[in-house]
Amino acid sequence: MGIFSSFDVSASGLTANRLWMDVIASNIANAQTTHTPEGGPYRRREVVFSTRLQDASQPGLEGGQGVRVVEIREDESPPRLVYDPEHPDAREDGYVEMPNIDAVTELVDMLVASRAYEANAAAMEAAKAMLSRALDILR
């Protein structure tokens, strides 16, 4: 583990959380999209994270070295049905299949992703300050 490994760990968190916020923003932007090129309503997307593992070639160092996004998958929950017989995508019974997006869930996820991003930025700043102070001591 080098002196810059804490920067790598925080940078991986910043990257993963930025991607998570992008996916959440896409979900919110498409909350009313009833027709996609694949057919049917937009389906909510979720980010799947995994630990970025330490290089096995370094003996004695086990454990994670950050986070990475392994998958962006579609939520398989059924679409919401809204009665609107005038809608162009309405079924014969007058119901429209709307995206399976709950605004409250998306906003809570955005808050969590934002706080995690801020925490990684603060950790990076603290590591920078410690490294700077260590260099000052060596002078």
N, C-alpha and C. Protein backbone atom coordinates (compact mmCIF):
# COMPACT_ATOMS: atom_id res chain seq x y z
N MET A 1 0.84 -1.18 0.00
CA MET A 1 0.00 0.00 0.00
C MET A 1 0.89 1.24 0.00
N GLY A 2 0.82 2.03 -1.04
CA GLY A 2 1.63 3.22 -1.13
C GLY A 2 0.97 4.41 -0.45
N ILE A 3 1.71 5.50 -0.43
CA ILE A 3 1.17 6.69 0.24
C ILE A 3 0.01 7.31 -0.53
N PHE A 4 -0.11 6.95 -1.80
CA PHE A 4 -1.18 7.52 -2.60
C PHE A 4 -2.40 6.61 -2.72
N SER A 5 -2.39 5.46 -2.03
CA SER A 5 -3.51 4.53 -2.15
C SER A 5 -4.82 5.11 -1.64
N SER A 6 -4.74 5.98 -0.63
CA SER A 6 -5.98 6.59 -0.13
C SER A 6 -6.61 7.47 -1.19
N PHE A 7 -5.78 8.09 -2.03
CA PHE A 7 -6.33 8.89 -3.14
C PHE A 7 -7.04 7.98 -4.14
N ASP A 8 -6.45 6.80 -4.41
CA ASP A 8 -7.07 5.85 -5.34
C ASP A 8 -8.42 5.36 -4.82
N VAL A 9 -8.48 5.07 -3.53
CA VAL A 9 -9.73 4.58 -2.93
C VAL A 9 -10.80 5.66 -3.03
N SER A 10 -10.45 6.88 -2.64
CA SER A 10 -11.43 7.98 -2.69
C SER A 10 -11.83 8.30 -4.12
N ALA A 11 -10.88 8.25 -5.04
CA ALA A 11 -11.18 8.52 -6.44
C ALA A 11 -12.15 7.49 -7.01
N SER A 12 -11.98 6.23 -6.61
CA SER A 12 -12.91 5.20 -7.09
C SER A 12 -14.31 5.48 -6.55
N GLY A 13 -14.40 5.93 -5.30
CA GLY A 13 -15.71 6.28 -4.73
C GLY A 13 -16.33 7.47 -5.42
N LEU A 14 -15.51 8.47 -5.73
CA LEU A 14 -16.03 9.65 -6.45
C LEU A 14 -16.57 9.25 -7.82
N THR A 15 -15.83 8.41 -8.53
CA THR A 15 -16.25 7.98 -9.86
C THR A 15 -17.54 7.16 -9.79
N ALA A 16 -17.60 6.22 -8.87
CA ALA A 16 -18.78 5.35 -8.74
C ALA A 16 -20.01 6.16 -8.33
N ASN A 17 -19.85 7.09 -7.40
CA ASN A 17 -21.00 7.87 -6.95
C ASN A 17 -21.46 8.87 -8.00
N ARG A 18 -20.53 9.39 -8.82
CA ARG A 18 -20.93 10.27 -9.91
C ARG A 18 -21.77 9.50 -10.92
N LEU A 19 -21.34 8.27 -11.24
CA LEU A 19 -22.12 7.44 -12.16
C LEU A 19 -23.49 7.13 -11.57
N TRP A 20 -23.54 6.84 -10.27
CA TRP A 20 -24.82 6.56 -9.61
C TRP A 20 -25.74 7.77 -9.73
N MET A 21 -25.21 8.97 -9.51
CA MET A 21 -26.03 10.18 -9.63
C MET A 21 -26.50 10.39 -11.07
N ASP A 22 -25.65 10.04 -12.05
CA ASP A 22 -26.07 10.14 -13.45
C ASP A 22 -27.24 9.20 -13.75
N VAL A 23 -27.18 7.99 -13.22
CA VAL A 23 -28.26 7.01 -13.44
C VAL A 23 -29.55 7.50 -12.76
N ILE A 24 -29.43 8.05 -11.56
CA ILE A 24 -30.61 8.58 -10.86
C ILE A 24 -31.21 9.74 -11.65
N ALA A 25 -30.36 10.62 -12.17
CA ALA A 25 -30.85 11.75 -12.96
C ALA A 25 -31.57 11.25 -14.21
N SER A 26 -31.06 10.20 -14.82
CA SER A 26 -31.73 9.61 -15.99
C SER A 26 -33.09 9.04 -15.61
N ASN A 27 -33.16 8.39 -14.45
CA ASN A 27 -34.43 7.84 -13.98
C ASN A 27 -35.45 8.96 -13.78
N ILE A 28 -35.04 10.04 -13.12
CA ILE A 28 -35.95 11.16 -12.87
C ILE A 28 -36.39 11.80 -14.18
N ALA A 29 -35.44 11.97 -15.10
CA ALA A 29 -35.76 12.60 -16.39
C ALA A 29 -36.75 11.77 -17.20
N ASN A 30 -36.74 10.46 -17.01
CA ASN A 30 -37.61 9.58 -17.80
C ASN A 30 -38.83 9.10 -17.02
N ALA A 31 -39.17 9.76 -15.95
CA ALA A 31 -40.29 9.31 -15.10
C ALA A 31 -41.63 9.32 -15.82
N GLN A 32 -41.73 10.04 -16.93
CA GLN A 32 -42.99 10.09 -17.68
C GLN A 32 -42.87 9.46 -19.07
N THR A 33 -41.77 8.79 -19.35
CA THR A 33 -41.54 8.20 -20.67
C THR A 33 -42.30 6.88 -20.78
N THR A 34 -43.32 6.89 -21.63
CA THR A 34 -44.17 5.72 -21.76
C THR A 34 -43.84 4.85 -22.96
N HIS A 35 -42.95 5.34 -23.83
CA HIS A 35 -42.61 4.57 -25.02
C HIS A 35 -41.12 4.69 -25.29
N THR A 36 -40.44 3.57 -25.30
CA THR A 36 -38.99 3.53 -25.55
C THR A 36 -38.73 2.78 -26.86
N PRO A 37 -37.53 2.88 -27.41
CA PRO A 37 -37.21 2.12 -28.63
C PRO A 37 -37.36 0.61 -28.44
N GLU A 38 -37.15 0.12 -27.21
CA GLU A 38 -37.31 -1.31 -26.93
C GLU A 38 -38.79 -1.69 -26.83
N GLY A 39 -39.64 -0.70 -26.71
CA GLY A 39 -41.07 -0.94 -26.53
C GLY A 39 -41.45 -0.87 -25.07
N GLY A 40 -42.61 -0.36 -24.78
CA GLY A 40 -43.07 -0.24 -23.41
C GLY A 40 -42.48 0.96 -22.70
N PRO A 41 -42.82 1.12 -21.43
CA PRO A 41 -42.34 2.29 -20.69
C PRO A 41 -40.86 2.16 -20.30
N TYR A 42 -40.27 3.29 -19.98
CA TYR A 42 -38.90 3.31 -19.46
C TYR A 42 -38.86 2.49 -18.19
N ARG A 43 -37.80 1.73 -18.01
CA ARG A 43 -37.64 0.93 -16.80
C ARG A 43 -36.52 1.54 -15.96
N ARG A 44 -36.82 1.67 -14.69
CA ARG A 44 -35.86 2.23 -13.73
C ARG A 44 -34.55 1.45 -13.78
N ARG A 45 -33.45 2.18 -13.71
CA ARG A 45 -32.13 1.56 -13.71
C ARG A 45 -31.51 1.66 -12.33
N GLU A 46 -30.77 0.61 -11.98
CA GLU A 46 -30.11 0.54 -10.68
C GLU A 46 -28.62 0.26 -10.90
N VAL A 47 -27.80 0.83 -10.02
CA VAL A 47 -26.36 0.63 -10.09
C VAL A 47 -25.96 -0.45 -9.09
N VAL A 48 -25.12 -1.38 -9.52
CA VAL A 48 -24.63 -2.45 -8.66
C VAL A 48 -23.14 -2.20 -8.42
N PHE A 49 -22.77 -2.07 -7.14
CA PHE A 49 -21.39 -1.80 -6.75
C PHE A 49 -20.71 -3.08 -6.29
N SER A 50 -19.38 -3.07 -6.36
CA SER A 50 -18.57 -4.17 -5.84
C SER A 50 -17.27 -3.60 -5.32
N THR A 51 -16.65 -4.35 -4.43
CA THR A 51 -15.35 -3.96 -3.90
C THR A 51 -14.30 -4.14 -4.98
N ARG A 52 -13.45 -3.15 -5.11
CA ARG A 52 -12.29 -3.28 -6.00
C ARG A 52 -11.20 -3.91 -5.16
N LEU A 53 -10.79 -5.12 -5.52
CA LEU A 53 -9.87 -5.90 -4.69
C LEU A 53 -8.43 -5.50 -4.90
N GLN A 54 -7.66 -5.69 -3.85
CA GLN A 54 -6.22 -5.45 -3.85
C GLN A 54 -5.54 -6.40 -4.83
N ASP A 55 -4.49 -5.95 -5.46
CA ASP A 55 -3.68 -6.79 -6.33
C ASP A 55 -3.12 -7.96 -5.53
N ALA A 56 -3.42 -9.17 -5.96
CA ALA A 56 -3.01 -10.38 -5.23
C ALA A 56 -1.51 -10.60 -5.25
N SER A 57 -0.79 -9.90 -6.12
CA SER A 57 0.66 -10.10 -6.20
C SER A 57 1.40 -9.46 -5.03
N GLN A 58 0.70 -8.67 -4.22
CA GLN A 58 1.33 -8.03 -3.07
C GLN A 58 0.99 -8.80 -1.81
N PRO A 59 1.91 -9.65 -1.33
CA PRO A 59 1.61 -10.48 -0.16
C PRO A 59 1.39 -9.64 1.10
N GLY A 60 0.48 -10.11 1.94
CA GLY A 60 0.22 -9.44 3.20
C GLY A 60 -0.80 -8.32 3.11
N LEU A 61 -1.23 -8.00 1.92
CA LEU A 61 -2.22 -6.93 1.76
C LEU A 61 -3.51 -7.53 1.23
N GLU A 62 -4.46 -7.70 2.09
CA GLU A 62 -5.75 -8.24 1.68
C GLU A 62 -6.80 -7.15 1.84
N GLY A 63 -7.90 -7.34 1.18
CA GLY A 63 -9.02 -6.44 1.37
C GLY A 63 -9.27 -5.55 0.17
N GLY A 64 -10.25 -4.70 0.34
CA GLY A 64 -10.68 -3.85 -0.74
C GLY A 64 -9.82 -2.62 -0.92
N GLN A 65 -9.79 -2.16 -2.11
CA GLN A 65 -9.06 -0.95 -2.45
C GLN A 65 -9.97 0.00 -3.20
N GLY A 66 -11.17 0.14 -2.73
CA GLY A 66 -12.10 1.05 -3.36
C GLY A 66 -13.37 0.34 -3.79
N VAL A 67 -14.06 0.99 -4.68
CA VAL A 67 -15.34 0.48 -5.16
C VAL A 67 -15.37 0.61 -6.68
N ARG A 68 -16.18 -0.22 -7.28
CA ARG A 68 -16.37 -0.13 -8.73
C ARG A 68 -17.81 -0.48 -9.06
N VAL A 69 -18.27 0.01 -10.18
CA VAL A 69 -19.60 -0.32 -10.66
C VAL A 69 -19.47 -1.55 -11.55
N VAL A 70 -20.18 -2.62 -11.19
CA VAL A 70 -20.10 -3.85 -11.98
C VAL A 70 -21.24 -3.98 -12.97
N GLU A 71 -22.33 -3.26 -12.71
CA GLU A 71 -23.49 -3.42 -13.59
C GLU A 71 -24.47 -2.27 -13.38
N ILE A 72 -25.12 -1.90 -14.46
CA ILE A 72 -26.28 -1.02 -14.39
C ILE A 72 -27.42 -1.85 -14.95
N ARG A 73 -28.33 -2.23 -14.07
CA ARG A 73 -29.39 -3.15 -14.49
C ARG A 73 -30.75 -2.48 -14.41
N GLU A 74 -31.68 -3.06 -15.14
CA GLU A 74 -33.06 -2.56 -15.12
C GLU A 74 -33.81 -3.19 -13.96
N ASP A 75 -34.60 -2.38 -13.28
CA ASP A 75 -35.47 -2.86 -12.22
C ASP A 75 -36.58 -3.69 -12.86
N GLU A 76 -36.79 -4.87 -12.36
CA GLU A 76 -37.77 -5.78 -12.95
C GLU A 76 -39.19 -5.61 -12.39
N SER A 77 -39.40 -4.65 -11.51
CA SER A 77 -40.75 -4.46 -10.97
C SER A 77 -41.69 -4.00 -12.09
N PRO A 78 -42.97 -4.35 -11.96
CA PRO A 78 -43.92 -4.03 -13.04
C PRO A 78 -44.15 -2.52 -13.16
N PRO A 79 -44.55 -2.07 -14.34
CA PRO A 79 -44.85 -0.65 -14.52
C PRO A 79 -46.10 -0.24 -13.74
N ARG A 80 -46.16 1.06 -13.42
CA ARG A 80 -47.37 1.58 -12.78
C ARG A 80 -48.46 1.72 -13.84
N LEU A 81 -49.68 1.44 -13.47
CA LEU A 81 -50.80 1.61 -14.38
C LEU A 81 -51.58 2.87 -13.99
N VAL A 82 -51.77 3.75 -14.95
CA VAL A 82 -52.48 5.00 -14.73
C VAL A 82 -53.62 5.06 -15.74
N TYR A 83 -54.82 5.35 -15.23
CA TYR A 83 -55.97 5.43 -16.13
C TYR A 83 -55.97 6.78 -16.85
N ASP A 84 -55.77 6.74 -18.17
CA ASP A 84 -55.77 7.94 -19.01
C ASP A 84 -56.11 7.51 -20.44
N PRO A 85 -57.40 7.33 -20.72
CA PRO A 85 -57.79 6.82 -22.04
C PRO A 85 -57.42 7.75 -23.21
N GLU A 86 -57.13 9.01 -22.93
CA GLU A 86 -56.77 9.96 -23.98
C GLU A 86 -55.28 9.91 -24.35
N HIS A 87 -54.49 9.24 -23.55
CA HIS A 87 -53.04 9.17 -23.78
C HIS A 87 -52.77 8.35 -25.05
N PRO A 88 -51.82 8.77 -25.89
CA PRO A 88 -51.52 8.03 -27.13
C PRO A 88 -51.04 6.59 -26.90
N ASP A 89 -50.45 6.31 -25.74
CA ASP A 89 -49.98 4.96 -25.45
C ASP A 89 -50.94 4.17 -24.57
N ALA A 90 -52.17 4.63 -24.45
CA ALA A 90 -53.16 3.92 -23.62
C ALA A 90 -53.53 2.58 -24.25
N ARG A 91 -53.72 1.60 -23.37
CA ARG A 91 -54.17 0.29 -23.83
C ARG A 91 -55.66 0.38 -24.14
N GLU A 92 -56.23 -0.71 -24.62
CA GLU A 92 -57.66 -0.74 -24.96
C GLU A 92 -58.54 -0.46 -23.74
N ASP A 93 -58.08 -0.86 -22.54
CA ASP A 93 -58.87 -0.64 -21.34
C ASP A 93 -58.69 0.77 -20.76
N GLY A 94 -57.89 1.63 -21.42
CA GLY A 94 -57.71 3.01 -20.99
C GLY A 94 -56.53 3.24 -20.06
N TYR A 95 -55.85 2.17 -19.67
CA TYR A 95 -54.70 2.32 -18.77
C TYR A 95 -53.41 2.52 -19.57
N VAL A 96 -52.54 3.33 -19.00
CA VAL A 96 -51.23 3.59 -19.59
C VAL A 96 -50.18 2.97 -18.67
N GLU A 97 -49.26 2.24 -19.26
CA GLU A 97 -48.15 1.68 -18.49
C GLU A 97 -47.10 2.78 -18.33
N MET A 98 -46.90 3.22 -17.08
CA MET A 98 -45.95 4.28 -16.77
C MET A 98 -44.67 3.66 -16.20
N PRO A 99 -43.56 4.37 -16.28
CA PRO A 99 -42.30 3.85 -15.72
C PRO A 99 -42.44 3.50 -14.23
N ASN A 100 -41.67 2.51 -13.82
CA ASN A 100 -41.69 2.02 -12.43
C ASN A 100 -40.76 2.89 -11.56
N ILE A 101 -40.92 4.19 -11.65
CA ILE A 101 -40.06 5.13 -10.94
C ILE A 101 -40.86 5.84 -9.86
N ASP A 102 -40.32 5.82 -8.65
CA ASP A 102 -40.91 6.54 -7.52
C ASP A 102 -39.99 7.72 -7.23
N ALA A 103 -40.52 8.93 -7.36
CA ALA A 103 -39.71 10.14 -7.19
C ALA A 103 -39.05 10.21 -5.81
N VAL A 104 -39.76 9.78 -4.78
CA VAL A 104 -39.21 9.83 -3.42
C VAL A 104 -37.99 8.90 -3.31
N THR A 105 -38.11 7.70 -3.85
CA THR A 105 -36.99 6.77 -3.83
C THR A 105 -35.79 7.34 -4.57
N GLU A 106 -36.04 7.95 -5.72
CA GLU A 106 -34.94 8.53 -6.50
C GLU A 106 -34.29 9.70 -5.75
N LEU A 107 -35.08 10.51 -5.10
CA LEU A 107 -34.51 11.64 -4.36
C LEU A 107 -33.71 11.19 -3.14
N VAL A 108 -34.19 10.15 -2.46
CA VAL A 108 -33.44 9.60 -1.33
C VAL A 108 -32.13 8.99 -1.83
N ASP A 109 -32.18 8.24 -2.93
CA ASP A 109 -30.96 7.68 -3.51
C ASP A 109 -30.00 8.79 -3.91
N MET A 110 -30.52 9.88 -4.48
CA MET A 110 -29.67 11.00 -4.88
C MET A 110 -29.00 11.63 -3.66
N LEU A 111 -29.74 11.73 -2.56
CA LEU A 111 -29.17 12.27 -1.33
C LEU A 111 -28.06 11.36 -0.80
N VAL A 112 -28.29 10.05 -0.81
CA VAL A 112 -27.28 9.10 -0.34
C VAL A 112 -26.04 9.18 -1.24
N ALA A 113 -26.23 9.19 -2.55
CA ALA A 113 -25.10 9.27 -3.48
C ALA A 113 -24.34 10.58 -3.31
N SER A 114 -25.06 11.65 -3.09
CA SER A 114 -24.44 12.96 -2.90
C SER A 114 -23.61 12.98 -1.62
N ARG A 115 -24.16 12.45 -0.54
CA ARG A 115 -23.42 12.40 0.73
C ARG A 115 -22.19 11.50 0.62
N ALA A 116 -22.32 10.39 -0.07
CA ALA A 116 -21.17 9.50 -0.26
C ALA A 116 -20.10 10.20 -1.09
N TYR A 117 -20.52 10.94 -2.10
CA TYR A 117 -19.57 11.70 -2.92
C TYR A 117 -18.84 12.72 -2.06
N GLU A 118 -19.61 13.44 -1.24
CA GLU A 118 -19.00 14.44 -0.34
C GLU A 118 -18.03 13.79 0.64
N ALA A 119 -18.38 12.62 1.15
CA ALA A 119 -17.50 11.93 2.10
C ALA A 119 -16.19 11.52 1.43
N ASN A 120 -16.26 11.05 0.20
CA ASN A 120 -15.04 10.68 -0.53
C ASN A 120 -14.20 11.91 -0.84
N ALA A 121 -14.85 13.01 -1.18
CA ALA A 121 -14.10 14.25 -1.44
C ALA A 121 -13.42 14.73 -0.15
N ALA A 122 -14.12 14.63 0.99
CA ALA A 122 -13.53 15.03 2.27
C ALA A 122 -12.37 14.12 2.65
N ALA A 123 -12.50 12.82 2.39
CA ALA A 123 -11.41 11.89 2.69
C ALA A 123 -10.20 12.20 1.83
N MET A 124 -10.42 12.54 0.59
CA MET A 124 -9.32 12.90 -0.30
C MET A 124 -8.64 14.19 0.18
N GLU A 125 -9.45 15.13 0.59
CA GLU A 125 -8.90 16.39 1.11
C GLU A 125 -8.11 16.17 2.39
N ALA A 126 -8.59 15.29 3.27
CA ALA A 126 -7.87 14.98 4.51
C ALA A 126 -6.54 14.29 4.21
N ALA A 127 -6.55 13.36 3.25
CA ALA A 127 -5.31 12.68 2.87
C ALA A 127 -4.32 13.68 2.28
N LYS A 128 -4.82 14.60 1.50
CA LYS A 128 -3.96 15.63 0.93
C LYS A 128 -3.35 16.50 2.03
N ALA A 129 -4.15 16.88 3.00
CA ALA A 129 -3.66 17.70 4.11
C ALA A 129 -2.61 16.95 4.93
N MET A 130 -2.85 15.64 5.19
CA MET A 130 -1.88 14.85 5.94
C MET A 130 -0.57 14.71 5.18
N LEU A 131 -0.64 14.47 3.90
CA LEU A 131 0.56 14.35 3.08
C LEU A 131 1.32 15.67 3.04
N SER A 132 0.59 16.75 2.92
CA SER A 132 1.21 18.08 2.92
C SER A 132 1.89 18.36 4.25
N ARG A 133 1.23 17.99 5.34
CA ARG A 133 1.81 18.21 6.69
C ARG A 133 3.05 17.35 6.88
N ALA A 134 3.01 16.12 6.37
CA ALA A 134 4.18 15.25 6.46
C ALA A 134 5.35 15.83 5.68
N LEU A 135 5.09 16.42 4.54
CA LEU A 135 6.16 17.05 3.76
C LEU A 135 6.71 18.28 4.49
N ASP A 136 5.83 19.01 5.17
CA ASP A 136 6.27 20.17 5.95
C ASP A 136 7.20 19.73 7.09
N ILE A 137 6.90 18.60 7.71
CA ILE A 137 7.72 18.10 8.82
C ILE A 137 9.12 17.70 8.31
N LEU A 138 9.17 17.16 7.10
CA LEU A 138 10.44 16.72 6.53
C LEU A 138 11.35 17.89 6.14
N ARG A 139 10.81 19.06 5.98
CA ARG A 139 11.62 20.22 5.57
C ARG A 139 12.46 20.75 6.68
